[in-house]
Amino acid sequence: ENQEKSRIIEDVMNHVKKQEQQIFIMFYYQNKKIKEIAKNLNISELKVKVTLHRLRNLVKKNLKERGYSYGK
């Protein structure tokens, strides 16, 4: 089940912009803080926050459509 969820998340990431992928990876896989991501990518912290919010919703929607729960 976890492998399938990971595949779904990977599929979602393959369909978003490169910068959005970078933000997602830096936050969730490299454990970087929002401030650090913004500095590294030369964008505002607000843009990082909004992008993460949008991507979480997109992942949640895709998991739900395929019958998986998201989060708790």
C-alpha atoms as a PDB file:
ATOM      1  CA  GLU A   1       0.000   0.000   0.000  1.00  0.00           C
ATOM      2  CA  ASN A   2       2.802   2.440   0.866  1.00  0.00           C
ATOM      3  CA  GLN A   3       4.540   1.685  -2.427  1.00  0.00           C
ATOM      4  CA  GLU A   4       1.342   2.432  -4.312  1.00  0.00           C
ATOM      5  CA  LYS A   5       0.886   5.715  -2.418  1.00  0.00           C
ATOM      6  CA  SER A   6       4.491   6.647  -3.214  1.00  0.00           C
ATOM      7  CA  ARG A   7       3.893   5.874  -6.883  1.00  0.00           C
ATOM      8  CA  ILE A   8       0.797   8.093  -6.903  1.00  0.00           C
ATOM      9  CA  ILE A   9       2.743  10.960  -5.292  1.00  0.00           C
ATOM     10  CA  GLU A  10       5.557  10.486  -7.815  1.00  0.00           C
ATOM     11  CA  ASP A  11       3.017  10.568 -10.652  1.00  0.00           C
ATOM     12  CA  VAL A  12       1.551  13.826  -9.322  1.00  0.00           C
ATOM     13  CA  MET A  13       5.038  15.343  -9.088  1.00  0.00           C
ATOM     14  CA  ASN A  14       5.779  14.340 -12.683  1.00  0.00           C
ATOM     15  CA  HIS A  15       2.874  16.536 -13.806  1.00  0.00           C
ATOM     16  CA  VAL A  16       3.774  19.770 -12.026  1.00  0.00           C
ATOM     17  CA  LYS A  17       6.354  22.453 -12.814  1.00  0.00           C
ATOM     18  CA  LYS A  18      10.023  21.816 -12.059  1.00  0.00           C
ATOM     19  CA  GLN A  19      10.105  24.505  -9.360  1.00  0.00           C
ATOM     20  CA  GLU A  20       7.070  22.952  -7.651  1.00  0.00           C
ATOM     21  CA  GLN A  21       8.844  19.584  -7.676  1.00  0.00           C
ATOM     22  CA  GLN A  22      11.910  21.193  -6.114  1.00  0.00           C
ATOM     23  CA  ILE A  23       9.854  22.812  -3.358  1.00  0.00           C
ATOM     24  CA  PHE A  24       8.094  19.515  -2.562  1.00  0.00           C
ATOM     25  CA  ILE A  25      11.341  17.527  -2.480  1.00  0.00           C
ATOM     26  CA  MET A  26      13.201  20.110  -0.420  1.00  0.00           C
ATOM     27  CA  PHE A  27      10.405  20.320   2.148  1.00  0.00           C
ATOM     28  CA  TYR A  28       9.301  16.689   2.453  1.00  0.00           C
ATOM     29  CA  TYR A  29      12.428  14.718   1.566  1.00  0.00           C
ATOM     30  CA  GLN A  30      15.290  17.049   2.495  1.00  0.00           C
ATOM     31  CA  ASN A  31      13.531  18.499   5.565  1.00  0.00           C
ATOM     32  CA  LYS A  32      14.390  22.077   4.656  1.00  0.00           C
ATOM     33  CA  LYS A  33      12.520  24.938   6.253  1.00  0.00           C
ATOM     34  CA  ILE A  34      10.305  27.270   4.230  1.00  0.00           C
ATOM     35  CA  LYS A  35      12.703  30.170   4.738  1.00  0.00           C
ATOM     36  CA  GLU A  36      15.629  28.082   3.464  1.00  0.00           C
ATOM     37  CA  ILE A  37      13.688  26.871   0.410  1.00  0.00           C
ATOM     38  CA  ALA A  38      12.688  30.444  -0.460  1.00  0.00           C
ATOM     39  CA  LYS A  39      16.297  31.608  -0.186  1.00  0.00           C
ATOM     40  CA  ASN A  40      17.667  28.693  -2.235  1.00  0.00           C
ATOM     41  CA  LEU A  41      15.132  29.180  -5.032  1.00  0.00           C
ATOM     42  CA  ASN A  42      15.137  32.982  -4.829  1.00  0.00           C
ATOM     43  CA  ILE A  43      11.369  33.194  -4.284  1.00  0.00           C
ATOM     44  CA  SER A  44       9.198  34.529  -1.478  1.00  0.00           C
ATOM     45  CA  GLU A  45       8.312  32.472   1.577  1.00  0.00           C
ATOM     46  CA  LEU A  46       4.652  33.065   0.713  1.00  0.00           C
ATOM     47  CA  LYS A  47       5.158  31.451  -2.698  1.00  0.00           C
ATOM     48  CA  VAL A  48       6.699  28.404  -1.001  1.00  0.00           C
ATOM     49  CA  LYS A  49       3.782  28.151   1.441  1.00  0.00           C
ATOM     50  CA  VAL A  50       1.146  28.561  -1.279  1.00  0.00           C
ATOM     51  CA  THR A  51       2.884  26.013  -3.510  1.00  0.00           C
ATOM     52  CA  LEU A  52       3.099  23.457  -0.693  1.00  0.00           C
ATOM     53  CA  HIS A  53      -0.588  23.993   0.130  1.00  0.00           C
ATOM     54  CA  ARG A  54      -1.558  23.521  -3.515  1.00  0.00           C
ATOM     55  CA  LEU A  55       0.595  20.410  -3.897  1.00  0.00           C
ATOM     56  CA  ARG A  56      -0.762  18.839  -0.689  1.00  0.00           C
ATOM     57  CA  ASN A  57      -4.299  19.353  -1.981  1.00  0.00           C
ATOM     58  CA  LEU A  58      -3.364  17.856  -5.352  1.00  0.00           C
ATOM     59  CA  VAL A  59      -1.769  14.796  -3.713  1.00  0.00           C
ATOM     60  CA  LYS A  60      -4.750  14.411  -1.372  1.00  0.00           C
ATOM     61  CA  LYS A  61      -7.189  14.579  -4.295  1.00  0.00           C
ATOM     62  CA  ASN A  62      -5.248  11.982  -6.296  1.00  0.00           C
ATOM     63  CA  LEU A  63      -4.949   9.604  -3.344  1.00  0.00           C
ATOM     64  CA  LYS A  64      -8.659   9.953  -2.586  1.00  0.00           C
ATOM     65  CA  GLU A  65      -9.592   9.294  -6.227  1.00  0.00           C
ATOM     66  CA  ARG A  66      -7.638   6.048  -6.052  1.00  0.00           C
ATOM     67  CA  GLY A  67      -9.257   4.974  -2.782  1.00  0.00           C
ATOM     68  CA  TYR A  68      -6.529   5.879  -0.304  1.00  0.00           C
ATOM     69  CA  SER A  69      -6.781   8.050   2.756  1.00  0.00           C
ATOM     70  CA  TYR A  70      -4.512  11.023   3.280  1.00  0.00           C
ATOM     71  CA  GLY A  71      -2.898  11.825   6.596  1.00  0.00           C
ATOM     72  CA  LYS A  72      -4.503  10.504   9.766  1.00  0.00           C
END
